[in-house]
Protein backbone atom coordinates (compact mmCIF):
# COMPACT_ATOMS: atom_id res chain seq x y z
CA MET A 1 -0.22 -0.23 0.10
CA THR A 2 1.11 3.14 -1.18
CA SER A 3 0.01 6.64 0.45
CA GLY A 4 0.69 8.75 -2.76
CA LEU A 5 2.92 11.17 -0.37
CA GLU A 6 6.15 9.20 -0.82
CA LEU A 7 9.24 11.60 -1.45
CA VAL A 8 11.21 10.23 -4.13
CA ILE A 9 14.84 11.80 -4.34
CA GLY A 10 16.64 11.33 -7.64
CA GLY A 11 20.45 11.64 -8.43
CA PRO A 12 20.31 15.61 -8.98
CA GLU A 13 18.21 16.45 -5.91
CA TRP A 14 21.28 14.82 -3.81
CA ILE A 15 23.61 17.47 -5.14
CA TRP A 16 21.32 20.47 -3.91
CA ILE A 17 20.78 18.66 -0.75
CA ILE A 18 24.63 18.16 -0.48
CA LEU A 19 25.29 21.75 -1.24
CA LEU A 20 22.64 23.22 1.31
CA ALA A 21 24.10 21.05 3.81
CA GLY A 22 27.55 22.30 3.37
CA MET A 23 26.42 25.78 3.14
CA LEU A 24 24.60 25.13 6.73
CA LEU A 25 27.63 23.69 8.17
CA PHE A 26 30.61 25.82 6.47
CA GLY A 27 29.03 29.06 5.66
CA SER A 28 28.86 30.73 2.23
CA LYS A 29 32.28 31.97 2.67
CA LYS A 30 34.15 28.67 3.76
CA ILE A 31 32.72 26.91 0.71
CA PRO A 32 35.60 28.11 -1.63
CA GLU A 33 38.30 27.29 0.82
CA VAL A 34 36.73 23.98 1.33
CA ALA A 35 36.70 23.35 -2.14
CA ARG A 36 40.34 24.51 -3.01
CA ALA A 37 41.50 22.10 -0.04
CA VAL A 38 39.69 18.94 -1.58
CA GLY A 39 40.94 20.22 -5.04
CA LYS A 40 44.42 20.32 -3.51
CA ALA A 41 44.34 17.00 -1.77
CA MET A 42 43.22 15.19 -4.77
CA GLY A 43 46.30 16.58 -7.10
CA GLU A 44 48.56 15.68 -4.49
CA PHE A 45 47.00 12.25 -4.31
CA GLN A 46 47.03 11.91 -7.84
CA LYS A 47 50.39 13.09 -7.94
CA GLY A 48 51.59 10.52 -5.58
CA ARG A 49 49.90 7.90 -7.31
CA ALA A 50 51.30 8.59 -10.70
CA GLU A 51 54.72 8.57 -9.08
CA ILE A 52 54.29 5.11 -7.65
CA GLU A 53 52.95 3.57 -11.05
CA ARG A 54 56.09 5.19 -12.85
CA GLU A 55 58.39 3.51 -10.02
CA ILE A 56 56.68 0.26 -10.32
CA ARG A 57 56.81 0.48 -14.45
CA ALA A 58 60.41 1.40 -14.24
CA SER A 59 61.40 -1.57 -11.84
CA THR A 60 59.64 -4.08 -13.69
CA SER A 61 60.89 -3.26 -16.96
CA THR A 62 64.53 -3.01 -16.13
CA ASN A 63 66.09 -5.91 -17.24
CA PHE A 64 69.85 -6.03 -15.69
CA ASN A 65 70.48 -9.13 -18.14
CA THR A 66 70.05 -7.50 -21.21
CA VAL A 67 73.14 -5.04 -20.84
CA PRO A 68 76.14 -6.28 -22.68
CA PRO A 69 79.38 -5.54 -20.52
CA SER A 70 81.39 -2.36 -21.51
CA LYS A 71 84.57 -2.21 -23.16
CA SER A 72 86.04 0.17 -20.04
CA LEU A 73 85.52 -2.47 -17.69
CA THR A 74 88.54 -3.94 -16.00
CA LYS A 75 89.28 -7.67 -16.11
CA THR A 76 88.50 -7.87 -12.27
CA GLU A 77 85.00 -6.21 -13.26
CA LEU A 78 84.75 -8.49 -16.04
CA GLN A 79 85.41 -11.66 -14.01
CA LYS A 80 82.98 -10.49 -11.44
CA ALA A 81 80.22 -10.26 -14.17
CA ALA A 82 81.07 -13.70 -15.52
CA ALA A 83 80.80 -15.26 -11.87
CA ALA A 84 77.57 -13.70 -11.60
CA VAL A 85 76.15 -15.07 -15.00
CA GLY A 86 77.98 -18.79 -14.10
CA ILE A 87 80.83 -18.43 -16.27
CA ASP A 88 84.48 -19.84 -15.04
CA ALA A 89 86.55 -16.72 -15.57
CA THR A 90 89.62 -17.79 -14.27
CA THR A 91 91.17 -19.05 -17.50
CA LYS A 92 89.63 -16.70 -20.03
CA SER A 93 91.34 -13.39 -21.46
CA GLU A 94 89.43 -10.17 -21.22
CA ASP A 95 87.85 -10.44 -24.72
CA ASP A 96 87.11 -14.03 -24.11
CA LEU A 97 85.26 -13.18 -21.19
CA ARG A 98 83.57 -10.39 -23.16
CA GLU A 99 82.12 -12.67 -25.70
CA ALA A 100 81.16 -15.32 -23.33
CA ILE A 101 79.25 -12.97 -21.17
CA LYS A 102 77.54 -11.91 -24.53
CA ARG A 103 76.74 -15.18 -25.48
CA LYS A 104 75.09 -15.76 -22.17
CA LEU A 105 73.20 -12.96 -21.96
CA ASN A 106 71.66 -13.20 -25.34
CA SER A 107 70.53 -16.98 -24.76
């Protein structure tokens, strides 16, 4: 049974109710300040989220195993790099180490 006096409040009516409640709570002079503060907070949140997403993309897209050894590495550095990828570096020359590391990284 309906009485015919039901109050139906749709989407646009809620906006007016919220605006009216905001004016009653904060006053008409404070509303722009509150809106500005909310806007700044949302902007900071968006910046933080974008920075975190950028860091995540950078950390997942960086592949350290695909960078070939540079010609400027010393033999000690080459031996460390070879050992890191599982190559016996004790009996090889610098050029042999570079080639072995390149082959290992490309396979």
